[in-house]
C-alpha atoms as a PDB file:
ATOM      1  CA  MET A   1      69.288 124.319  93.045  1.00  0.00           C
ATOM      2  CA  ALA A   2      67.553 121.000  92.433  1.00  0.00           C
ATOM      3  CA  ARG A   3      70.576 118.883  93.312  1.00  0.00           C
ATOM      4  CA  TRP A   4      70.504 120.400  96.810  1.00  0.00           C
ATOM      5  CA  GLY A   5      66.837 119.636  97.263  1.00  0.00           C
ATOM      6  CA  LEU A   6      65.608 123.160  96.544  1.00  0.00           C
ATOM      7  CA  THR A   7      62.689 123.698  94.214  1.00  0.00           C
ATOM      8  CA  PRO A   8      61.254 126.958  92.820  1.00  0.00           C
ATOM      9  CA  GLU A   9      58.133 126.353  94.929  1.00  0.00           C
ATOM     10  CA  LEU A  10      60.181 125.936  98.095  1.00  0.00           C
ATOM     11  CA  VAL A  11      62.249 129.048  97.446  1.00  0.00           C
ATOM     12  CA  ALA A  12      59.175 131.118  96.512  1.00  0.00           C
ATOM     13  CA  ARG A  13      57.306 130.392  99.749  1.00  0.00           C
ATOM     14  CA  PRO A  14      56.306 133.484 101.740  1.00  0.00           C
ATOM     15  CA  PHE A  15      58.835 134.577 104.323  1.00  0.00           C
ATOM     16  CA  PRO A  16      57.613 133.714 107.839  1.00  0.00           C
ATOM     17  CA  GLU A  17      57.157 136.257 110.599  1.00  0.00           C
ATOM     18  CA  ILE A  18      60.408 136.658 112.556  1.00  0.00           C
ATOM     19  CA  TRP A  19      60.215 137.426 116.263  1.00  0.00           C
ATOM     20  CA  GLU A  20      62.377 140.334 117.384  1.00  0.00           C
ATOM     21  CA  GLU A  21      64.647 138.149 119.530  1.00  0.00           C
ATOM     22  CA  ASN A  22      65.472 135.953 116.522  1.00  0.00           C
ATOM     23  CA  TRP A  23      66.711 138.738 114.221  1.00  0.00           C
ATOM     24  CA  PRO A  24      70.369 138.610 115.366  1.00  0.00           C
ATOM     25  CA  ALA A  25      70.556 134.886 114.554  1.00  0.00           C
ATOM     26  CA  LEU A  26      68.790 135.321 111.229  1.00  0.00           C
ATOM     27  CA  ARG A  27      71.047 138.212 110.185  1.00  0.00           C
ATOM     28  CA  LEU A  28      74.154 136.195 111.060  1.00  0.00           C
ATOM     29  CA  TYR A  29      72.821 133.100 109.297  1.00  0.00           C
ATOM     30  CA  MET A  30      72.041 135.097 106.150  1.00  0.00           C
ATOM     31  CA  ARG A  31      75.583 136.519 106.130  1.00  0.00           C
ATOM     32  CA  CYS A  32      76.987 132.986 106.249  1.00  0.00           C
ATOM     33  CA  ASN A  33      74.449 131.146 104.125  1.00  0.00           C
ATOM     34  CA  ASP A  34      76.991 130.606 101.345  1.00  0.00           C
ATOM     35  CA  GLN A  35      79.402 128.760 103.635  1.00  0.00           C
ATOM     36  CA  TRP A  36      78.048 125.227 103.190  1.00  0.00           C
ATOM     37  CA  ARG A  37      80.383 122.265 103.145  1.00  0.00           C
ATOM     38  CA  CYS A  38      79.367 120.136 100.184  1.00  0.00           C
ATOM     39  CA  GLY A  39      80.120 116.626  99.044  1.00  0.00           C
ATOM     40  CA  MET A  40      78.907 114.403  96.242  1.00  0.00           C
ATOM     41  CA  GLY A  41      75.430 114.295  97.802  1.00  0.00           C
ATOM     42  CA  GLY A  42      75.177 118.046  98.272  1.00  0.00           C
ATOM     43  CA  PRO A  43      75.506 120.149 101.424  1.00  0.00           C
ATOM     44  CA  TYR A  44      76.182 118.283 104.647  1.00  0.00           C
ATOM     45  CA  ALA A  45      77.143 121.046 107.120  1.00  0.00           C
ATOM     46  CA  LEU A  46      77.390 124.780 107.510  1.00  0.00           C
ATOM     47  CA  ASP A  47      81.068 125.701 107.840  1.00  0.00           C
ATOM     48  CA  MET A  48      81.027 127.399 111.241  1.00  0.00           C
ATOM     49  CA  THR A  49      84.399 129.113 110.752  1.00  0.00           C
ATOM     50  CA  VAL A  50      82.822 132.281 109.364  1.00  0.00           C
ATOM     51  CA  PRO A  51      79.927 132.572 111.846  1.00  0.00           C
ATOM     52  CA  LEU A  52      82.321 132.020 114.745  1.00  0.00           C
ATOM     53  CA  ALA A  53      84.702 134.689 113.427  1.00  0.00           C
ATOM     54  CA  LEU A  54      81.840 137.165 113.032  1.00  0.00           C
ATOM     55  CA  MET A  55      80.473 136.324 116.474  1.00  0.00           C
ATOM     56  CA  ALA A  56      83.898 136.898 118.040  1.00  0.00           C
ATOM     57  CA  ARG A  57      83.785 140.477 116.759  1.00  0.00           C
ATOM     58  CA  MET A  58      80.322 141.171 118.192  1.00  0.00           C
ATOM     59  CA  GLY A  59      81.414 141.640 121.811  1.00  0.00           C
ATOM     60  CA  LEU A  60      78.879 139.137 123.122  1.00  0.00           C
ATOM     61  CA  SER A  61      78.699 137.891 126.679  1.00  0.00           C
ATOM     62  CA  ASP A  62      79.438 134.193 127.109  1.00  0.00           C
ATOM     63  CA  ASP A  63      75.736 133.399 127.488  1.00  0.00           C
ATOM     64  CA  ASP A  64      74.736 135.452 124.421  1.00  0.00           C
ATOM     65  CA  PHE A  65      77.533 133.839 122.395  1.00  0.00           C
ATOM     66  CA  ASP A  66      76.336 130.354 123.373  1.00  0.00           C
ATOM     67  CA  GLU A  67      72.712 131.214 122.595  1.00  0.00           C
ATOM     68  CA  LEU A  68      73.566 132.654 119.192  1.00  0.00           C
ATOM     69  CA  TYR A  69      75.743 129.632 118.393  1.00  0.00           C
ATOM     70  CA  ASP A  70      72.878 127.312 119.324  1.00  0.00           C
ATOM     71  CA  ASP A  71      70.483 129.336 117.162  1.00  0.00           C
ATOM     72  CA  ILE A  72      72.788 129.196 114.125  1.00  0.00           C
ATOM     73  CA  THR A  73      73.416 125.470 114.434  1.00  0.00           C
ATOM     74  CA  THR A  74      69.681 124.834 114.823  1.00  0.00           C
ATOM     75  CA  MET A  75      68.975 126.862 111.681  1.00  0.00           C
ATOM     76  CA  ALA A  76      71.672 125.002 109.745  1.00  0.00           C
ATOM     77  CA  ARG A  77      70.436 121.593 110.904  1.00  0.00           C
ATOM     78  CA  THR A  78      66.863 122.506 109.939  1.00  0.00           C
ATOM     79  CA  ALA A  79      67.998 123.793 106.533  1.00  0.00           C
ATOM     80  CA  LEU A  80      69.810 120.508 105.902  1.00  0.00           C
ATOM     81  CA  GLU A  81      66.677 118.557 106.851  1.00  0.00           C
ATOM     82  CA  VAL A  82      64.550 120.597 104.414  1.00  0.00           C
ATOM     83  CA  MET A  83      67.122 120.195 101.638  1.00  0.00           C
ATOM     84  CA  ALA A  84      67.259 116.421 102.279  1.00  0.00           C
ATOM     85  CA  GLU A  85      63.453 116.111 102.197  1.00  0.00           C
ATOM     86  CA  ASN A  86      63.339 117.830  98.828  1.00  0.00           C
ATOM     87  CA  ARG A  87      66.336 116.099  97.250  1.00  0.00           C
ATOM     88  CA  ASP A  88      65.597 113.738  94.373  1.00  0.00           C
END
């Protein structure tokens, strides 16, 4: 955990309120949260192969697909920023 910038305090923080419209992105992100590409310095990207495969099966319109993709990539980028801030 520590080598990826995660601390017990960071992990134990209270879960924030999730707005209804963000639940689909959060559920998808949580299903794929173990799909990080990692190097010597820790995670550097979320492997989007799995989220894209799952999204393809959801029957989304083009606009909904694009919005969900943007949401997932934003969540991954933010997670990487938090992990980098907390890395030794």
